[in-house]
Amino acid sequence: MDSEEADLTDAEREALHALEHGVEHLERAHGHLVAFHHSTGRAMDHLATAEGCLRDAGHEAFADAIRDDYLPRGVLGDGEGDGRWSYDVLETYEETFLEDVLAFEDEVAEDLADGRRHVEERRQERDWTERARD
């Protein structure tokens, strides 16, 4: 074990590793929310196009429904005017939960491992490299 890892117990290394994996999955979830936001925006663009096409085809009531009921509506809510838009869901996730967990991960890594990251992977890399040399 190198000097950087000598001060960590197995339980501390395992905790850091699990915390890093948790954060990585939260970052993946963030990516899914970004994709959700982009897909929702693209879908709304298509609905706006459909509104125009329906209006051009003489179907005013359907066009009005898109204009009045769907385009201004948030993606979460009952459709009565207080719905949350996809950007709001994304921003709330980023600015509350994700930001808080990232700060917590930094605090734990700083306290336990002097800010070092991927401690378990570095140990694994070293072990495999040494094994290959033997």
Protein backbone atom coordinates (compact mmCIF):
# COMPACT_ATOMS: atom_id res chain seq x y z
CA MET A 1 0.00 0.00 0.00
CA ASP A 2 1.43 3.38 -0.95
CA SER A 3 1.72 6.28 1.48
CA GLU A 4 -1.40 8.00 0.11
CA GLU A 5 -3.53 5.01 1.05
CA ALA A 6 -1.77 4.01 4.28
CA ASP A 7 -3.87 6.40 6.32
CA LEU A 8 -7.19 4.96 5.11
CA THR A 9 -8.91 1.93 6.57
CA ASP A 10 -10.62 -0.61 4.34
CA ALA A 11 -13.98 0.72 5.58
CA GLU A 12 -13.02 4.29 4.67
CA ARG A 13 -11.89 3.25 1.19
CA GLU A 14 -15.13 1.32 0.74
CA ALA A 15 -17.18 4.30 1.93
CA LEU A 16 -15.40 6.69 -0.43
CA HIS A 17 -15.88 4.25 -3.30
CA ALA A 18 -19.61 3.83 -2.57
CA LEU A 19 -20.05 7.60 -2.25
CA GLU A 20 -18.30 8.16 -5.59
CA HIS A 21 -20.53 5.57 -7.26
CA GLY A 22 -23.60 7.22 -5.76
CA VAL A 23 -22.52 10.60 -7.12
CA GLU A 24 -21.74 9.11 -10.54
CA HIS A 25 -25.28 7.71 -10.70
CA LEU A 26 -26.71 11.07 -9.65
CA GLU A 27 -24.72 12.66 -12.47
CA ARG A 28 -26.15 10.10 -14.87
CA ALA A 29 -29.64 10.96 -13.58
CA HIS A 30 -28.78 14.60 -14.25
CA GLY A 31 -27.94 13.67 -17.83
CA HIS A 32 -31.30 11.95 -18.16
CA LEU A 33 -33.01 15.09 -16.87
CA VAL A 34 -31.11 17.18 -19.44
CA ALA A 35 -32.26 14.75 -22.14
CA PHE A 36 -35.82 14.93 -20.75
CA HIS A 37 -35.67 18.73 -20.90
CA HIS A 38 -34.34 18.72 -24.48
CA SER A 39 -36.83 16.09 -25.64
CA THR A 40 -39.68 18.00 -24.05
CA GLY A 41 -38.57 21.20 -25.77
CA ARG A 42 -38.34 19.43 -29.12
CA ALA A 43 -41.79 17.90 -28.58
CA MET A 44 -43.23 21.33 -27.80
CA ASP A 45 -41.71 22.66 -31.05
CA HIS A 46 -43.53 19.87 -32.92
CA LEU A 47 -46.79 20.68 -31.13
CA ALA A 48 -46.37 24.31 -32.16
CA THR A 49 -45.89 23.16 -35.76
CA ALA A 50 -48.98 20.95 -35.48
CA GLU A 51 -50.95 23.94 -34.21
CA GLY A 52 -50.10 25.90 -37.35
CA CYS A 53 -50.86 22.95 -39.63
CA LEU A 54 -54.20 22.31 -37.96
CA ARG A 55 -55.08 25.99 -38.25
CA ASP A 56 -54.08 26.00 -41.95
CA ALA A 57 -56.25 22.92 -42.47
CA GLY A 58 -59.26 24.67 -40.95
CA HIS A 59 -59.29 22.83 -37.61
CA GLU A 60 -59.34 25.89 -35.37
CA ALA A 61 -60.60 24.08 -32.25
CA PHE A 62 -57.74 21.58 -32.31
CA ALA A 63 -55.22 24.33 -33.02
CA ASP A 64 -56.65 26.40 -30.17
CA ALA A 65 -56.38 23.41 -27.82
CA ILE A 66 -52.65 23.09 -28.56
CA ARG A 67 -52.18 26.85 -28.16
CA ASP A 68 -54.26 27.21 -25.01
CA ASP A 69 -54.04 23.85 -23.23
CA TYR A 70 -50.70 22.25 -24.10
CA LEU A 71 -48.04 24.76 -25.15
CA PRO A 72 -48.33 26.97 -22.07
CA ARG A 73 -48.69 24.00 -19.71
CA GLY A 74 -45.90 22.66 -17.51
CA VAL A 75 -44.88 19.02 -17.70
CA LEU A 76 -45.66 18.38 -14.03
CA GLY A 77 -48.94 19.49 -12.59
CA ASP A 78 -52.62 19.21 -13.26
CA GLY A 79 -52.75 21.58 -16.23
CA GLU A 80 -54.50 24.28 -14.25
CA GLY A 81 -51.73 26.84 -14.66
CA ASP A 82 -49.24 25.99 -11.93
CA GLY A 83 -47.35 23.23 -13.71
CA ARG A 84 -43.59 22.98 -13.54
CA TRP A 85 -41.70 23.23 -16.80
CA SER A 86 -38.89 20.83 -17.66
CA TYR A 87 -36.21 23.49 -17.16
CA ASP A 88 -37.58 24.12 -13.66
CA VAL A 89 -37.38 20.42 -12.78
CA LEU A 90 -33.80 20.32 -14.09
CA GLU A 91 -32.73 23.50 -12.27
CA THR A 92 -34.31 22.40 -9.01
CA TYR A 93 -32.47 19.06 -9.16
CA GLU A 94 -29.18 20.81 -9.96
CA GLU A 95 -29.47 23.60 -7.39
CA THR A 96 -30.72 21.55 -4.48
CA PHE A 97 -30.09 17.83 -4.28
CA LEU A 98 -27.23 17.38 -6.76
CA GLU A 99 -25.32 20.45 -5.59
CA ASP A 100 -25.72 19.40 -1.96
CA VAL A 101 -24.55 15.83 -2.53
CA LEU A 102 -21.55 16.99 -4.60
CA ALA A 103 -20.51 19.35 -1.80
CA PHE A 104 -20.94 16.54 0.72
CA GLU A 105 -18.79 14.21 -1.38
CA ASP A 106 -16.07 16.87 -1.55
CA GLU A 107 -16.23 17.34 2.22
CA VAL A 108 -15.92 13.61 2.91
CA ALA A 109 -13.07 13.14 0.41
CA GLU A 110 -11.22 16.11 1.87
CA ASP A 111 -11.63 14.88 5.43
CA LEU A 112 -10.84 11.20 4.83
CA ALA A 113 -8.43 11.28 1.90
CA ASP A 114 -7.01 14.81 1.68
CA GLY A 115 -9.27 15.43 -1.29
CA ARG A 116 -8.00 12.43 -3.26
CA ARG A 117 -10.56 10.84 -5.56
CA HIS A 118 -10.97 7.32 -6.87
CA VAL A 119 -8.86 5.91 -4.05
CA GLU A 120 -10.19 2.37 -4.51
CA GLU A 121 -9.61 2.45 -8.27
CA ARG A 122 -6.04 3.64 -7.74
CA ARG A 123 -5.45 0.72 -5.35
CA GLN A 124 -6.94 -1.68 -7.87
CA GLU A 125 -4.83 -0.23 -10.68
CA ARG A 126 -1.69 -0.58 -8.58
CA ASP A 127 -2.53 -4.17 -7.59
CA TRP A 128 -3.23 -5.22 -11.17
CA THR A 129 -0.09 -3.51 -12.46
CA GLU A 130 2.04 -5.20 -9.80
CA ARG A 131 0.43 -8.57 -10.54
CA ALA A 132 1.18 -8.18 -14.25
CA ARG A 133 4.83 -7.43 -13.49
CA ASP A 134 5.25 -10.53 -11.27
